PDB file of all heavy atoms in Angstrom:
ATOM      1  N   ARG A   1      19.052  -3.008 -29.198  1.00  0.00           N
ATOM      2  CA  ARG A   1      17.783  -2.832 -28.475  1.00  0.00           C
ATOM      3  C   ARG A   1      17.746  -1.462 -27.832  1.00  0.00           C
ATOM      4  O   ARG A   1      16.662  -0.813 -27.817  1.00  0.00           O
ATOM      5  CB  ARG A   1      17.727  -3.927 -27.384  1.00  0.00           C
ATOM      6  CG  ARG A   1      17.456  -5.284 -28.021  1.00  0.00           C
ATOM      7  CD  ARG A   1      17.193  -6.436 -26.963  1.00  0.00           C
ATOM      8  NE  ARG A   1      18.393  -6.600 -26.093  1.00  0.00           N
ATOM      9  CZ  ARG A   1      18.317  -6.774 -24.806  1.00  0.00           C
ATOM     10  NH1 ARG A   1      17.165  -6.686 -24.184  1.00  0.00           N
ATOM     11  NH2 ARG A   1      19.443  -6.937 -24.102  1.00  0.00           N
ATOM     12  N   LEU A   2      18.875  -1.037 -27.201  1.00  0.00           N
ATOM     13  CA  LEU A   2      18.811   0.364 -26.493  1.00  0.00           C
ATOM     14  C   LEU A   2      18.544   1.444 -27.427  1.00  0.00           C
ATOM     15  O   LEU A   2      17.991   2.490 -27.054  1.00  0.00           O
ATOM     16  CB  LEU A   2      20.092   0.499 -25.739  1.00  0.00           C
ATOM     17  CG  LEU A   2      20.231  -0.301 -24.477  1.00  0.00           C
ATOM     18  CD1 LEU A   2      21.663  -0.058 -23.928  1.00  0.00           C
ATOM     19  CD2 LEU A   2      19.257  -0.097 -23.426  1.00  0.00           C
ATOM     20  N   THR A   3      18.970   1.343 -28.666  1.00  0.00           N
ATOM     21  CA  THR A   3      18.916   2.495 -29.619  1.00  0.00           C
ATOM     22  C   THR A   3      17.738   2.355 -30.640  1.00  0.00           C
ATOM     23  O   THR A   3      17.628   3.093 -31.513  1.00  0.00           O
ATOM     24  CB  THR A   3      20.174   2.582 -30.470  1.00  0.00           C
ATOM     25  OG1 THR A   3      20.497   1.406 -31.173  1.00  0.00           O
ATOM     26  CG2 THR A   3      21.421   2.957 -29.531  1.00  0.00           C
ATOM     27  N   SER A   4      16.855   1.378 -30.362  1.00  0.00           N
ATOM     28  CA  SER A   4      15.706   1.179 -31.334  1.00  0.00           C
ATOM     29  C   SER A   4      14.379   0.926 -30.579  1.00  0.00           C
ATOM     30  O   SER A   4      13.337   1.005 -31.223  1.00  0.00           O
ATOM     31  CB  SER A   4      15.884  -0.014 -32.249  1.00  0.00           C
ATOM     32  OG  SER A   4      15.971  -1.222 -31.449  1.00  0.00           O
ATOM     33  N   LYS A   5      14.407   0.789 -29.302  1.00  0.00           N
ATOM     34  CA  LYS A   5      13.100   0.486 -28.597  1.00  0.00           C
ATOM     35  C   LYS A   5      12.923   1.503 -27.489  1.00  0.00           C
ATOM     36  O   LYS A   5      13.753   2.327 -27.113  1.00  0.00           O
ATOM     37  CB  LYS A   5      13.312  -0.864 -27.927  1.00  0.00           C
ATOM     38  CG  LYS A   5      13.436  -1.992 -28.940  1.00  0.00           C
ATOM     39  CD  LYS A   5      13.469  -3.347 -28.300  1.00  0.00           C
ATOM     40  CE  LYS A   5      13.688  -4.430 -29.424  1.00  0.00           C
ATOM     41  NZ  LYS A   5      13.592  -5.719 -28.860  1.00  0.00           N
ATOM     42  N   THR A   6      11.724   1.433 -26.930  1.00  0.00           N
ATOM     43  CA  THR A   6      11.436   2.161 -25.706  1.00  0.00           C
ATOM     44  C   THR A   6      11.995   1.528 -24.557  1.00  0.00           C
ATOM     45  O   THR A   6      11.802   0.354 -24.361  1.00  0.00           O
ATOM     46  CB  THR A   6       9.859   2.420 -25.605  1.00  0.00           C
ATOM     47  OG1 THR A   6       9.324   3.046 -26.765  1.00  0.00           O
ATOM     48  CG2 THR A   6       9.555   3.262 -24.373  1.00  0.00           C
ATOM     49  N   ILE A   7      12.700   2.231 -23.726  1.00  0.00           N
ATOM     50  CA  ILE A   7      13.387   1.704 -22.550  1.00  0.00           C
ATOM     51  C   ILE A   7      12.593   2.188 -21.365  1.00  0.00           C
ATOM     52  O   ILE A   7      12.262   3.252 -21.162  1.00  0.00           O
ATOM     53  CB  ILE A   7      14.804   2.296 -22.447  1.00  0.00           C
ATOM     54  CG1 ILE A   7      15.617   2.011 -23.720  1.00  0.00           C
ATOM     55  CG2 ILE A   7      15.500   1.806 -21.153  1.00  0.00           C
ATOM     56  CD1 ILE A   7      16.758   2.943 -23.907  1.00  0.00           C
ATOM     57  N   TYR A   8      12.169   1.246 -20.448  1.00  0.00           N
ATOM     58  CA  TYR A   8      11.543   1.468 -19.198  1.00  0.00           C
ATOM     59  C   TYR A   8      12.392   1.277 -17.965  1.00  0.00           C
ATOM     60  O   TYR A   8      12.947   0.239 -17.865  1.00  0.00           O
ATOM     61  CB  TYR A   8      10.316   0.580 -19.128  1.00  0.00           C
ATOM     62  CG  TYR A   8       9.173   0.888 -20.174  1.00  0.00           C
ATOM     63  CD1 TYR A   8       9.268   0.355 -21.429  1.00  0.00           C
ATOM     64  CD2 TYR A   8       8.137   1.756 -19.959  1.00  0.00           C
ATOM     65  CE1 TYR A   8       8.417   0.550 -22.458  1.00  0.00           C
ATOM     66  CE2 TYR A   8       7.212   2.141 -20.916  1.00  0.00           C
ATOM     67  CZ  TYR A   8       7.281   1.396 -22.191  1.00  0.00           C
ATOM     68  OH  TYR A   8       6.420   1.746 -23.130  1.00  0.00           O
ATOM     69  N   ILE A   9      12.487   2.253 -17.173  1.00  0.00           N
ATOM     70  CA  ILE A   9      13.183   2.217 -15.881  1.00  0.00           C
ATOM     71  C   ILE A   9      12.385   2.733 -14.776  1.00  0.00           C
ATOM     72  O   ILE A   9      11.316   3.353 -15.008  1.00  0.00           O
ATOM     73  CB  ILE A   9      14.468   2.909 -16.031  1.00  0.00           C
ATOM     74  CG1 ILE A   9      14.336   4.446 -16.262  1.00  0.00           C
ATOM     75  CG2 ILE A   9      15.465   2.366 -17.042  1.00  0.00           C
ATOM     76  CD1 ILE A   9      15.631   5.289 -16.176  1.00  0.00           C
ATOM     77  N   LEU A  10      12.778   2.434 -13.542  1.00  0.00           N
ATOM     78  CA  LEU A  10      12.111   2.956 -12.412  1.00  0.00           C
ATOM     79  C   LEU A  10      12.872   4.099 -11.805  1.00  0.00           C
ATOM     80  O   LEU A  10      14.167   4.081 -11.612  1.00  0.00           O
ATOM     81  CB  LEU A  10      11.933   1.830 -11.344  1.00  0.00           C
ATOM     82  CG  LEU A  10      11.121   2.105 -10.206  1.00  0.00           C
ATOM     83  CD1 LEU A  10       9.651   2.147 -10.548  1.00  0.00           C
ATOM     84  CD2 LEU A  10      11.410   1.010  -9.116  1.00  0.00           C
ATOM     85  N   VAL A  11      12.160   5.117 -11.463  1.00  0.00           N
ATOM     86  CA  VAL A  11      12.653   6.314 -10.743  1.00  0.00           C
ATOM     87  C   VAL A  11      11.935   6.480  -9.403  1.00  0.00           C
ATOM     88  O   VAL A  11      10.720   6.369  -9.378  1.00  0.00           O
ATOM     89  CB  VAL A  11      12.655   7.558 -11.572  1.00  0.00           C
ATOM     90  CG1 VAL A  11      13.138   8.792 -10.844  1.00  0.00           C
ATOM     91  CG2 VAL A  11      13.435   7.345 -12.826  1.00  0.00           C
ATOM     92  N   SER A  12      12.684   6.731  -8.381  1.00  0.00           N
ATOM     93  CA  SER A  12      12.056   6.947  -7.026  1.00  0.00           C
ATOM     94  C   SER A  12      12.175   8.347  -6.595  1.00  0.00           C
ATOM     95  O   SER A  12      13.246   8.901  -6.577  1.00  0.00           O
ATOM     96  CB  SER A  12      12.723   5.967  -5.932  1.00  0.00           C
ATOM     97  OG  SER A  12      12.619   4.655  -6.283  1.00  0.00           O
ATOM     98  N   ALA A  13      11.010   8.971  -6.260  1.00  0.00           N
ATOM     99  CA  ALA A  13      10.980  10.288  -5.643  1.00  0.00           C
ATOM    100  C   ALA A  13      11.302  10.229  -4.211  1.00  0.00           C
ATOM    101  O   ALA A  13      10.538   9.457  -3.559  1.00  0.00           O
ATOM    102  CB  ALA A  13       9.722  10.955  -5.923  1.00  0.00           C
ATOM    103  N   CYS A  14      12.297  10.821  -3.713  1.00  0.00           N
ATOM    104  CA  CYS A  14      12.734  10.672  -2.386  1.00  0.00           C
ATOM    105  C   CYS A  14      12.870  12.063  -1.735  1.00  0.00           C
ATOM    106  O   CYS A  14      13.017  13.035  -2.450  1.00  0.00           O
ATOM    107  CB  CYS A  14      14.083   9.971  -2.255  1.00  0.00           C
ATOM    108  SG  CYS A  14      14.113   8.391  -3.079  1.00  0.00           S
ATOM    109  N   THR A  15      12.844  12.103  -0.394  1.00  0.00           N
ATOM    110  CA  THR A  15      13.187  13.280   0.270  1.00  0.00           C
ATOM    111  C   THR A  15      14.156  12.888   1.340  1.00  0.00           C
ATOM    112  O   THR A  15      14.090  11.808   1.992  1.00  0.00           O
ATOM    113  CB  THR A  15      11.976  14.015   0.860  1.00  0.00           C
ATOM    114  OG1 THR A  15      12.326  15.325   1.366  1.00  0.00           O
ATOM    115  CG2 THR A  15      11.265  13.119   1.909  1.00  0.00           C
ATOM    116  N   ARG A  16      15.102  13.768   1.581  1.00  0.00           N
ATOM    117  CA  ARG A  16      16.128  13.420   2.612  1.00  0.00           C
ATOM    118  C   ARG A  16      16.212  14.572   3.677  1.00  0.00           C
ATOM    119  O   ARG A  16      16.526  15.692   3.268  1.00  0.00           O
ATOM    120  CB  ARG A  16      17.435  13.358   1.833  1.00  0.00           C
ATOM    121  CG  ARG A  16      18.497  12.538   2.579  1.00  0.00           C
ATOM    122  CD  ARG A  16      19.717  12.260   1.667  1.00  0.00           C
ATOM    123  NE  ARG A  16      20.588  11.385   2.385  1.00  0.00           N
ATOM    124  CZ  ARG A  16      21.730  11.084   1.833  1.00  0.00           C
ATOM    125  NH1 ARG A  16      22.080  11.439   0.681  1.00  0.00           N
ATOM    126  NH2 ARG A  16      22.588  10.302   2.497  1.00  0.00           N
ATOM    127  N   THR A  17      15.983  14.131   4.900  1.00  0.00           N
ATOM    128  CA  THR A  17      16.024  15.150   5.976  1.00  0.00           C
ATOM    129  C   THR A  17      17.485  15.349   6.357  1.00  0.00           C
ATOM    130  O   THR A  17      18.484  14.783   5.993  1.00  0.00           O
ATOM    131  CB  THR A  17      15.353  14.601   7.209  1.00  0.00           C
ATOM    132  OG1 THR A  17      16.078  13.436   7.705  1.00  0.00           O
ATOM    133  CG2 THR A  17      13.887  14.208   6.907  1.00  0.00           C
ATOM    134  N   LYS A  18      17.718  16.472   7.054  1.00  0.00           N
ATOM    135  CA  LYS A  18      19.073  16.825   7.539  1.00  0.00           C
ATOM    136  C   LYS A  18      19.650  15.699   8.418  1.00  0.00           C
ATOM    137  O   LYS A  18      20.809  15.339   8.342  1.00  0.00           O
ATOM    138  CB  LYS A  18      19.065  18.258   8.355  1.00  0.00           C
ATOM    139  CG  LYS A  18      18.862  19.318   7.407  1.00  0.00           C
ATOM    140  CD  LYS A  18      18.837  20.572   8.267  1.00  0.00           C
ATOM    141  CE  LYS A  18      18.602  21.778   7.314  1.00  0.00           C
ATOM    142  NZ  LYS A  18      18.498  23.115   8.072  1.00  0.00           N
ATOM    143  N   ALA A  19      18.824  15.026   9.230  1.00  0.00           N
ATOM    144  CA  ALA A  19      19.333  13.952  10.115  1.00  0.00           C
ATOM    145  C   ALA A  19      19.712  12.880   9.154  1.00  0.00           C
ATOM    146  O   ALA A  19      20.807  12.143   9.507  1.00  0.00           O
ATOM    147  CB  ALA A  19      18.243  13.483  10.983  1.00  0.00           C
ATOM    148  N   GLU A  20      19.014  12.496   8.135  1.00  0.00           N
ATOM    149  CA  GLU A  20      19.458  11.346   7.239  1.00  0.00           C
ATOM    150  C   GLU A  20      20.709  11.706   6.579  1.00  0.00           C
ATOM    151  O   GLU A  20      21.559  10.846   6.287  1.00  0.00           O
ATOM    152  CB  GLU A  20      18.346  11.024   6.227  1.00  0.00           C
ATOM    153  CG  GLU A  20      17.159  10.343   6.785  1.00  0.00           C
ATOM    154  CD  GLU A  20      15.814  10.422   6.020  1.00  0.00           C
ATOM    155  OE1 GLU A  20      15.761  11.371   5.209  1.00  0.00           O
ATOM    156  OE2 GLU A  20      14.953   9.660   6.243  1.00  0.00           O
ATOM    157  N   LYS A  21      20.868  12.924   6.098  1.00  0.00           N
ATOM    158  CA  LYS A  21      22.147  13.349   5.409  1.00  0.00           C
ATOM    159  C   LYS A  21      23.271  13.186   6.441  1.00  0.00           C
ATOM    160  O   LYS A  21      24.327  12.713   6.056  1.00  0.00           O
ATOM    161  CB  LYS A  21      22.016  14.787   4.978  1.00  0.00           C
ATOM    162  CG  LYS A  21      21.152  14.930   3.758  1.00  0.00           C
ATOM    163  CD  LYS A  21      21.220  16.482   3.407  1.00  0.00           C
ATOM    164  CE  LYS A  21      20.111  16.673   2.228  1.00  0.00           C
ATOM    165  NZ  LYS A  21      19.975  18.142   1.863  1.00  0.00           N
ATOM    166  N   LYS A  22      23.033  13.602   7.626  1.00  0.00           N
ATOM    167  CA  LYS A  22      24.125  13.627   8.728  1.00  0.00           C
ATOM    168  C   LYS A  22      24.505  12.113   8.919  1.00  0.00           C
ATOM    169  O   LYS A  22      25.713  11.708   9.102  1.00  0.00           O
ATOM    170  CB  LYS A  22      23.644  14.252   9.958  1.00  0.00           C
ATOM    171  CG  LYS A  22      24.773  14.525  10.989  1.00  0.00           C
ATOM    172  CD  LYS A  22      24.189  15.335  12.030  1.00  0.00           C
ATOM    173  CE  LYS A  22      25.308  15.738  13.055  1.00  0.00           C
ATOM    174  NZ  LYS A  22      24.872  16.559  14.177  1.00  0.00           N
ATOM    175  N   ARG A  23      23.503  11.206   9.032  1.00  0.00           N
ATOM    176  CA  ARG A  23      23.834   9.767   9.310  1.00  0.00           C
ATOM    177  C   ARG A  23      24.270   9.037   8.070  1.00  0.00           C
ATOM    178  O   ARG A  23      24.628   7.959   8.032  1.00  0.00           O
ATOM    179  CB  ARG A  23      22.572   9.151   9.851  1.00  0.00           C
ATOM    180  CG  ARG A  23      22.211   9.529  11.257  1.00  0.00           C
ATOM    181  CD  ARG A  23      21.161   8.593  11.840  1.00  0.00           C
ATOM    182  NE  ARG A  23      19.946   8.656  11.059  1.00  0.00           N
ATOM    183  CZ  ARG A  23      18.771   9.224  11.344  1.00  0.00           C
ATOM    184  NH1 ARG A  23      18.694   9.782  12.607  1.00  0.00           N
ATOM    185  NH2 ARG A  23      17.739   9.231  10.641  1.00  0.00           N
ATOM    186  N   ASN A  24      24.103   9.714   6.867  1.00  0.00           N
ATOM    187  CA  ASN A  24      24.415   9.168   5.545  1.00  0.00           C
ATOM    188  C   ASN A  24      23.665   7.964   5.298  1.00  0.00           C
ATOM    189  O   ASN A  24      24.097   6.883   4.908  1.00  0.00           O
ATOM    190  CB  ASN A  24      25.917   8.860   5.483  1.00  0.00           C
ATOM    191  CG  ASN A  24      26.410   8.686   4.033  1.00  0.00           C
ATOM    192  OD1 ASN A  24      25.792   9.256   3.163  1.00  0.00           O
ATOM    193  ND2 ASN A  24      27.395   7.957   3.843  1.00  0.00           N
ATOM    194  N   THR A  25      22.285   8.032   5.596  1.00  0.00           N
ATOM    195  CA  THR A  25      21.489   6.860   5.386  1.00  0.00           C
ATOM    196  C   THR A  25      20.627   7.184   4.070  1.00  0.00           C
ATOM    197  O   THR A  25      20.477   8.281   3.599  1.00  0.00           O
ATOM    198  CB  THR A  25      20.513   6.687   6.506  1.00  0.00           C
ATOM    199  OG1 THR A  25      19.781   7.798   6.730  1.00  0.00           O
ATOM    200  CG2 THR A  25      21.199   6.259   7.814  1.00  0.00           C
ATOM    201  N   ASP A  26      19.938   6.121   3.526  1.00  0.00           N
ATOM    202  CA  ASP A  26      19.136   6.274   2.344  1.00  0.00           C
ATOM    203  C   ASP A  26      17.952   7.043   2.669  1.00  0.00           C
ATOM    204  O   ASP A  26      17.335   6.930   3.817  1.00  0.00           O
ATOM    205  CB  ASP A  26      18.756   4.878   1.808  1.00  0.00           C
ATOM    206  CG  ASP A  26      19.936   4.147   1.149  1.00  0.00           C
ATOM    207  OD1 ASP A  26      20.909   4.795   0.749  1.00  0.00           O
ATOM    208  OD2 ASP A  26      19.789   2.963   1.119  1.00  0.00           O
TER     209      ASP A  26
END
């Protein structure tokens, strides 16, 4: 299936502030 069909997945565009990086949050 993976090598013969179109595969649909979800991608999320995110932005991460310095504060979120520091707190290690999503």
